[in-house]
Amino acid sequence: MSYVFYMPSISIMDKNALIDAGDMIKNLGFKKAFIVTDKVLNEIGLVNKLTSVLANNGIEYVIFDETKPNPTTKNVHDGVDMLKSEECDFVISFGGGSPHDCAKGIALVATNGGNIKDYEGVHKSSKPQLPLVAINTTAGTASEMTIFCIITDEERHIKMAIVDKHVTPILAVNDPELMMDMPKSLTAATGMDALTHAIEAYVSTAATPITDACALQAISLISNHLRKAVDNGKDENARNQMAYAEFLAGMAFNNASLGYVHAMAHQLGGFYDLPHGVCNAILLPHVQKYNSQVCPEKLKDIAQSLGIKVEGLSDKEGAQSAIDAIIALSKDIGIPSGLKEIGAKEKDIPTLAENALKDACGITNPKQATHEEIVSIFKNAM
């Protein structure tokens, strides 16, 4: 079996990346941008940094700022209607995972037609999406460079996983200066999202030497810099290193896929409209405890990348040290300790577990679970 490695054609990183992106967009010949963002980023004026760059390069734009924290099918189709009426020739997503995913859905439906629900699953589209430039303001989801698009279906109260090579942006932009004003809670949640991506990719059944290298380096960078970024959001080096970490984690899971942490977190987000990164952070040690039954040696590697001295430890002991380090990091940066704290209810667990087992992310988890086992993991995380 051969492996395919997906990522954007071009990625711009580090200080002044936004300015350089403006020059590149102009050189690509685009005329009018459909900017997908959210109301908070628009109201605090961060979007103005983007529009100034576009104006300086003679590029017209319209702004769609209706994206919800968990973007919905309605967000996507409202965006498609506005994009067509404004006759835009490309899309820019500006923000974190929510605007990126919403923009992917809009760009995909704009060229393929139908309903965004038609593309749930793996590689369901037949045509490339409208060209998408993804400009990141957080360091977590890596949606600016992946083939993943997560959209909430309001009718079914689930998050749809759309995994499609056609939703890969043509240009990804990570400028740490756009991340300086992230609040502590968002920095923590997105950082743990990136850590989850890296860990799930490393233990995935689809992992390769390339994704392993990306994942372990991402874990090391997060271990060394996430606490600093949360403690002082103006720490330029910490922000920059976290931007590299989330991108590396994205390279890893974009090609090795994920596991039960994401399969379960998607259900919590779709059912209760909860923050994705926080759900991942709470579930992460519990799922890895389950996984340690079959891949303790991989979790021992993860412990070493988290800064734990593993010499002399058995694989089982190393795995437990990784789990302990994950819990300690979450506690240090203020992540809630259990799902009850964020509004999950034990009575809903059987339904959540049933839906989690249908999520595409669970296919590459190193140990396939029964419904009862997923129920048990949810209960342990409460």
Protein backbone atom coordinates (compact mmCIF):
# COMPACT_ATOMS: atom_id res chain seq x y z
CA MET A 1 0.00 0.00 0.00
CA SER A 2 1.30 3.46 -0.93
CA TYR A 3 0.79 6.69 1.03
CA VAL A 4 -0.21 10.14 -0.21
CA PHE A 5 1.08 13.29 1.50
CA TYR A 6 -1.24 16.32 1.39
CA MET A 7 -0.47 19.95 2.23
CA PRO A 8 -0.89 23.40 0.61
CA SER A 9 1.16 24.27 -2.46
CA ILE A 10 2.61 27.26 -0.60
CA SER A 11 2.84 28.10 3.10
CA ILE A 12 4.14 31.40 4.46
CA MET A 13 5.32 31.52 8.07
CA ASP A 14 6.90 33.84 10.63
CA LYS A 15 6.82 37.61 11.14
CA ASN A 16 5.46 39.72 8.24
CA ALA A 17 3.85 36.67 6.63
CA LEU A 18 0.58 38.59 6.15
CA ILE A 19 2.30 41.33 4.16
CA ASP A 20 4.10 38.79 2.01
CA ALA A 21 0.79 36.99 1.43
CA GLY A 22 -0.68 40.18 -0.01
CA ASP A 23 2.05 40.33 -2.64
CA MET A 24 1.53 36.67 -3.50
CA ILE A 25 -2.25 37.03 -3.82
CA LYS A 26 -1.75 39.95 -6.18
CA ASN A 27 0.70 37.93 -8.28
CA LEU A 28 -1.82 35.10 -8.52
CA GLY A 29 -4.13 37.51 -10.32
CA PHE A 30 -7.16 37.36 -8.04
CA LYS A 31 -9.50 40.36 -8.18
CA LYS A 32 -12.14 40.12 -5.45
CA ALA A 33 -11.89 38.26 -2.15
CA PHE A 34 -14.70 36.70 -0.17
CA ILE A 35 -13.38 37.02 3.40
CA VAL A 36 -14.79 34.45 5.83
CA THR A 37 -14.26 35.37 9.49
CA ASP A 38 -16.27 35.84 12.70
CA LYS A 39 -17.84 38.84 14.38
CA VAL A 40 -15.31 39.01 17.23
CA LEU A 41 -12.31 39.28 14.93
CA ASN A 42 -14.15 41.85 12.84
CA GLU A 43 -15.32 43.93 15.81
CA ILE A 44 -11.90 44.08 17.51
CA GLY A 45 -10.36 45.33 14.28
CA LEU A 46 -8.05 42.41 13.54
CA VAL A 47 -9.67 41.90 10.14
CA ASN A 48 -8.59 45.45 9.29
CA LYS A 49 -4.99 44.22 9.13
CA LEU A 50 -6.01 41.92 6.31
CA THR A 51 -8.19 44.40 4.44
CA SER A 52 -5.40 47.01 4.57
CA VAL A 53 -3.02 44.56 2.92
CA LEU A 54 -5.60 43.73 0.25
CA ALA A 55 -6.33 47.42 -0.41
CA ASN A 56 -2.61 48.15 -0.74
CA ASN A 57 -2.45 45.49 -3.44
CA GLY A 58 -5.53 46.70 -5.32
CA ILE A 59 -7.69 43.71 -4.39
CA GLU A 60 -11.41 44.21 -3.72
CA TYR A 61 -13.16 42.31 -0.94
CA VAL A 62 -16.42 41.65 0.90
CA ILE A 63 -16.63 40.36 4.47
CA PHE A 64 -18.77 37.46 5.68
CA ASP A 65 -18.50 37.43 9.49
CA GLU A 66 -21.39 35.11 10.38
CA THR A 67 -19.22 32.09 11.21
CA LYS A 68 -20.19 30.45 14.49
CA PRO A 69 -17.62 28.87 16.86
CA ASN A 70 -18.83 25.51 15.53
CA PRO A 71 -19.70 26.46 11.92
CA THR A 72 -23.03 25.15 10.68
CA THR A 73 -24.56 24.02 7.41
CA LYS A 74 -26.55 27.29 7.45
CA ASN A 75 -23.32 29.30 7.75
CA VAL A 76 -21.98 27.50 4.69
CA HIS A 77 -25.03 28.03 2.50
CA ASP A 78 -25.54 31.64 3.57
CA GLY A 79 -21.91 32.20 2.61
CA VAL A 80 -22.34 30.53 -0.78
CA ASP A 81 -25.32 32.76 -1.57
CA MET A 82 -23.38 35.91 -0.64
CA LEU A 83 -20.25 34.83 -2.52
CA LYS A 84 -22.21 34.28 -5.73
CA SER A 85 -24.15 37.54 -5.44
CA GLU A 86 -20.90 39.47 -4.91
CA GLU A 87 -19.16 37.63 -7.81
CA CYS A 88 -15.97 36.93 -5.86
CA ASP A 89 -13.26 34.91 -7.60
CA PHE A 90 -11.51 33.51 -4.52
CA VAL A 91 -11.99 32.98 -0.79
CA ILE A 92 -9.89 34.08 2.19
CA SER A 93 -10.47 32.48 5.58
CA PHE A 94 -9.25 34.65 8.46
CA GLY A 95 -9.24 33.29 11.98
CA GLY A 96 -8.95 29.90 13.61
CA GLY A 97 -10.50 26.57 12.77
CA SER A 98 -14.07 27.86 12.61
CA PRO A 99 -13.60 30.42 9.79
CA HIS A 100 -11.26 28.04 7.96
CA ASP A 101 -13.75 25.17 8.05
CA CYS A 102 -16.66 27.42 7.12
CA ALA A 103 -14.66 28.87 4.21
CA LYS A 104 -13.74 25.38 3.01
CA GLY A 105 -17.40 24.41 2.98
CA ILE A 106 -18.34 27.56 1.09
CA ALA A 107 -15.56 27.18 -1.48
CA LEU A 108 -16.35 23.49 -2.02
CA VAL A 109 -20.10 23.98 -2.56
CA ALA A 110 -19.45 27.05 -4.74
CA THR A 111 -17.84 24.87 -7.41
CA ASN A 112 -19.37 21.44 -6.79
CA GLY A 113 -22.96 22.51 -6.08
CA GLY A 114 -25.52 20.72 -3.94
CA ASN A 115 -25.55 20.73 -0.15
CA ILE A 116 -22.49 20.60 2.11
CA LYS A 117 -24.00 17.42 3.61
CA ASP A 118 -23.36 15.72 0.26
CA TYR A 119 -19.63 15.78 0.98
CA GLU A 120 -19.60 14.17 4.42
CA GLY A 121 -17.05 11.37 4.39
CA VAL A 122 -13.83 10.88 2.42
CA HIS A 123 -13.09 12.48 -0.97
CA LYS A 124 -16.70 12.90 -2.05
CA SER A 125 -16.29 15.97 -4.29
CA SER A 126 -15.49 15.81 -8.01
CA LYS A 127 -14.10 19.32 -8.61
CA PRO A 128 -11.52 21.55 -6.91
CA GLN A 129 -13.03 24.17 -4.63
CA LEU A 130 -12.84 27.88 -5.40
CA PRO A 131 -9.23 28.97 -4.62
CA LEU A 132 -8.82 29.41 -0.86
CA VAL A 133 -6.19 31.40 1.04
CA ALA A 134 -6.20 30.50 4.75
CA ILE A 135 -4.78 33.08 7.17
CA ASN A 136 -4.40 31.81 10.72
CA THR A 137 -4.92 33.80 13.94
CA THR A 138 -4.66 30.85 16.34
CA ALA A 139 -2.14 28.05 16.91
CA GLY A 140 -4.17 24.90 17.16
CA THR A 141 -6.49 23.51 14.51
CA ALA A 142 -4.12 23.51 11.51
CA SER A 143 -7.24 23.79 9.36
CA GLU A 144 -5.34 26.35 7.29
CA MET A 145 -3.37 23.48 5.74
CA THR A 146 -5.43 20.29 6.00
CA ILE A 147 -7.86 18.20 3.97
CA PHE A 148 -10.27 18.21 6.93
CA CYS A 149 -13.43 20.33 7.16
CA ILE A 150 -15.74 19.99 10.17
CA ILE A 151 -19.28 21.37 9.83
CA THR A 152 -22.13 21.03 12.33
CA ASP A 153 -25.36 19.56 10.99
CA GLU A 154 -27.98 21.37 13.10
CA GLU A 155 -30.71 18.85 12.26
CA ARG A 156 -28.78 15.80 13.46
CA HIS A 157 -26.81 17.67 16.16
CA ILE A 158 -23.55 16.15 14.98
CA LYS A 159 -20.32 17.41 13.52
CA MET A 160 -19.77 16.16 9.99
CA ALA A 161 -16.22 15.17 9.09
CA ILE A 162 -15.54 16.16 5.49
CA VAL A 163 -12.16 14.74 4.49
CA ASP A 164 -11.44 15.85 0.96
CA LYS A 165 -8.27 16.66 -0.96
CA HIS A 166 -10.17 19.45 -2.70
CA VAL A 167 -10.53 21.52 0.49
CA THR A 168 -6.78 22.02 0.87
CA PRO A 169 -6.02 25.77 0.69
CA ILE A 170 -3.69 26.89 -2.09
CA LEU A 171 -1.90 29.22 0.35
CA ALA A 172 -1.56 28.94 4.15
CA VAL A 173 -0.38 31.91 6.23
CA ASN A 174 0.89 31.77 9.82
CA ASP A 175 1.97 35.18 11.12
CA PRO A 176 2.62 35.21 14.90
CA GLU A 177 1.78 38.91 15.06
CA LEU A 178 -1.86 38.01 14.36
CA MET A 179 -1.84 35.66 17.37
CA MET A 180 -0.58 38.08 20.03
CA ASP A 181 -4.02 39.14 21.26
CA MET A 182 -5.46 35.64 21.75
CA PRO A 183 -6.83 35.38 25.32
CA LYS A 184 -5.30 32.86 27.70
CA SER A 185 -8.23 30.46 27.50
CA LEU A 186 -8.15 30.34 23.69
CA THR A 187 -4.36 29.98 23.65
CA ALA A 188 -4.68 27.04 26.04
CA ALA A 189 -7.52 25.33 24.17
CA THR A 190 -5.97 25.69 20.72
CA GLY A 191 -2.57 24.58 22.03
CA MET A 192 -4.07 21.40 23.45
CA ASP A 193 -5.88 20.85 20.16
CA ALA A 194 -2.49 20.91 18.41
CA LEU A 195 -1.06 18.50 20.98
CA THR A 196 -3.98 16.16 20.39
CA HIS A 197 -3.39 16.26 16.64
CA ALA A 198 0.25 15.33 17.10
CA ILE A 199 -0.37 12.53 19.60
CA GLU A 200 -3.25 10.98 17.68
CA ALA A 201 -1.23 11.10 14.46
CA TYR A 202 1.76 9.42 16.14
CA VAL A 203 -0.26 6.48 17.47
CA SER A 204 -2.39 6.23 14.30
CA THR A 205 -2.41 3.03 12.28
CA ALA A 206 -1.71 5.17 9.19
CA ALA A 207 1.44 6.80 10.60
CA THR A 208 4.61 6.91 8.48
CA PRO A 209 8.20 7.97 9.25
CA ILE A 210 7.39 11.41 7.83
CA THR A 211 4.30 11.94 9.98
CA ASP A 212 6.12 10.52 13.02
CA ALA A 213 8.90 13.09 12.66
CA CYS A 214 6.40 15.93 12.35
CA ALA A 215 4.34 14.70 15.30
CA LEU A 216 7.21 14.24 17.74
CA GLN A 217 8.73 17.63 16.91
CA ALA A 218 5.32 19.27 17.37
CA ILE A 219 4.91 17.59 20.78
CA SER A 220 8.33 18.82 21.87
CA LEU A 221 7.63 22.41 20.77
CA ILE A 222 4.26 22.43 22.51
CA SER A 223 5.76 21.05 25.72
CA ASN A 224 8.41 23.76 25.69
CA HIS A 225 6.32 26.76 24.63
CA LEU A 226 2.59 26.38 25.36
CA ARG A 227 2.84 27.34 29.03
CA LYS A 228 4.85 30.42 28.06
CA ALA A 229 2.34 31.45 25.39
CA VAL A 230 -0.54 31.11 27.86
CA ASP A 231 1.33 32.98 30.59
CA ASN A 232 2.41 35.86 28.34
CA GLY A 233 0.54 36.27 25.08
CA LYS A 234 3.01 38.91 23.91
CA ASP A 235 5.93 36.46 24.05
CA GLU A 236 6.80 36.59 20.35
CA ASN A 237 9.09 33.57 20.40
CA ALA A 238 6.53 31.41 22.23
CA ARG A 239 3.82 32.46 19.75
CA ASN A 240 6.07 31.76 16.79
CA GLN A 241 7.14 28.35 18.08
CA MET A 242 3.51 27.41 18.76
CA ALA A 243 2.65 28.43 15.18
CA TYR A 244 5.34 26.06 13.91
CA ALA A 245 4.12 23.36 16.31
CA GLU A 246 0.50 23.49 15.19
CA PHE A 247 1.60 23.42 11.53
CA LEU A 248 3.82 20.39 12.12
CA ALA A 249 0.98 18.68 13.97
CA GLY A 250 -1.23 19.50 10.99
CA MET A 251 1.27 17.93 8.58
CA ALA A 252 1.18 14.83 10.76
CA PHE A 253 -2.56 14.30 11.14
CA ASN A 254 -3.39 15.56 7.66
CA ASN A 255 -1.67 12.44 6.39
CA ALA A 256 -1.87 9.94 9.28
CA SER A 257 -5.38 10.98 10.35
CA LEU A 258 -6.57 10.98 13.96
CA GLY A 259 -8.35 8.74 16.49
CA TYR A 260 -11.02 8.45 19.15
CA VAL A 261 -10.22 11.75 20.87
CA HIS A 262 -11.48 13.62 17.84
CA ALA A 263 -14.25 11.13 17.06
CA MET A 264 -15.61 11.68 20.59
CA ALA A 265 -14.92 15.42 20.78
CA HIS A 266 -16.86 15.98 17.56
CA GLN A 267 -19.95 14.55 19.23
CA LEU A 268 -19.61 16.82 22.25
CA GLY A 269 -19.23 19.83 19.98
CA GLY A 270 -22.16 18.90 17.79
CA PHE A 271 -24.47 17.91 20.66
CA TYR A 272 -23.74 20.72 23.13
CA ASP A 273 -21.93 23.33 20.98
CA LEU A 274 -18.83 23.01 23.20
CA PRO A 275 -15.32 24.32 22.37
CA HIS A 276 -13.42 21.73 20.37
CA GLY A 277 -9.98 22.25 21.87
CA VAL A 278 -11.25 21.94 25.44
CA CYS A 279 -13.12 18.73 24.63
CA ASN A 280 -9.98 17.30 23.06
CA ALA A 281 -7.85 18.27 26.05
CA ILE A 282 -10.18 16.59 28.55
CA LEU A 283 -10.55 13.40 26.52
CA LEU A 284 -6.89 13.09 25.49
CA PRO A 285 -5.43 11.32 28.57
CA HIS A 286 -8.42 8.98 28.87
CA VAL A 287 -8.24 7.84 25.25
CA GLN A 288 -4.48 7.37 25.48
CA LYS A 289 -4.96 5.27 28.60
CA TYR A 290 -7.19 3.05 26.48
CA ASN A 291 -4.64 3.05 23.64
CA SER A 292 -1.80 2.13 25.99
CA GLN A 293 -3.14 -1.41 25.92
CA VAL A 294 -1.79 -1.84 22.39
CA CYS A 295 0.90 0.81 21.79
CA PRO A 296 2.66 1.62 25.10
CA GLU A 297 5.98 1.95 23.28
CA LYS A 298 4.62 4.80 21.16
CA LEU A 299 3.29 6.59 24.22
CA LYS A 300 6.71 6.17 25.82
CA ASP A 301 8.18 8.02 22.79
CA ILE A 302 5.59 10.74 23.35
CA ALA A 303 6.64 10.99 27.01
CA GLN A 304 10.21 11.63 25.91
CA SER A 305 9.07 14.40 23.54
CA LEU A 306 7.10 15.88 26.44
CA GLY A 307 10.37 16.21 28.33
CA ILE A 308 10.11 13.11 30.53
CA LYS A 309 13.26 11.09 31.25
CA VAL A 310 12.24 7.63 30.12
CA GLU A 311 15.55 5.80 30.49
CA GLY A 312 15.00 2.67 32.58
CA LEU A 313 11.23 2.81 32.29
CA SER A 314 9.26 -0.05 30.82
CA ASP A 315 6.94 0.70 27.90
CA LYS A 316 3.98 0.54 30.27
CA GLU A 317 5.64 2.92 32.75
CA GLY A 318 6.63 5.25 29.92
CA ALA A 319 3.06 5.32 28.63
CA GLN A 320 1.74 6.22 32.06
CA SER A 321 4.30 9.01 32.36
CA ALA A 322 3.06 10.45 29.06
CA ILE A 323 -0.53 10.39 30.33
CA ASP A 324 0.55 12.05 33.60
CA ALA A 325 2.44 14.75 31.67
CA ILE A 326 -0.61 15.49 29.51
CA ILE A 327 -2.78 15.89 32.62
CA ALA A 328 -0.16 18.15 34.26
CA LEU A 329 0.09 20.39 31.19
CA SER A 330 -3.70 20.74 30.98
CA LYS A 331 -3.87 21.65 34.67
CA ASP A 332 -1.04 24.20 34.38
CA ILE A 333 -2.82 26.11 31.59
CA GLY A 334 -6.29 26.07 33.15
CA ILE A 335 -8.11 23.37 31.17
CA PRO A 336 -11.21 22.03 33.03
CA SER A 337 -10.59 18.63 34.59
CA GLY A 338 -13.78 16.92 33.43
CA LEU A 339 -16.60 17.01 30.90
CA LYS A 340 -19.23 17.76 33.56
CA GLU A 341 -17.56 21.14 34.13
CA ILE A 342 -18.29 22.18 30.56
CA GLY A 343 -21.87 20.94 30.43
CA ALA A 344 -21.80 17.32 29.24
CA LYS A 345 -24.47 15.05 30.78
CA GLU A 346 -24.03 11.39 31.65
CA LYS A 347 -27.50 10.49 30.36
CA ASP A 348 -26.39 11.43 26.83
CA ILE A 349 -23.30 9.21 26.80
CA PRO A 350 -24.86 6.20 25.01
CA THR A 351 -25.93 8.44 22.11
CA LEU A 352 -22.59 10.25 22.06
CA ALA A 353 -20.77 6.91 21.98
CA GLU A 354 -22.95 5.56 19.17
CA ASN A 355 -22.24 8.61 17.02
CA ALA A 356 -18.52 8.59 17.87
CA LEU A 357 -18.19 5.10 16.44
CA LYS A 358 -19.53 6.43 13.11
CA ASP A 359 -16.97 9.26 12.93
CA ALA A 360 -14.30 8.82 10.25
CA CYS A 361 -11.55 9.92 12.64
CA GLY A 362 -11.89 6.73 14.66
CA ILE A 363 -10.88 4.46 11.78
CA THR A 364 -7.16 4.92 12.42
CA ASN A 365 -7.24 4.68 16.21
CA PRO A 366 -4.70 2.00 17.23
CA LYS A 367 -7.31 -0.09 19.05
CA GLN A 368 -10.85 -0.40 17.73
CA ALA A 369 -13.45 -0.04 20.46
CA THR A 370 -16.86 -1.44 21.22
CA HIS A 371 -19.77 0.79 22.13
CA GLU A 372 -19.32 -0.19 25.77
CA GLU A 373 -15.65 0.81 25.70
CA ILE A 374 -16.41 4.25 24.26
CA VAL A 375 -19.11 4.68 26.93
CA SER A 376 -16.52 3.80 29.58
CA ILE A 377 -14.02 6.35 28.23
CA PHE A 378 -16.69 9.07 28.24
CA LYS A 379 -17.64 8.19 31.83
CA ASN A 380 -14.01 8.26 32.97
CA ALA A 381 -13.66 11.72 31.42
CA MET A 382 -16.74 13.14 33.16
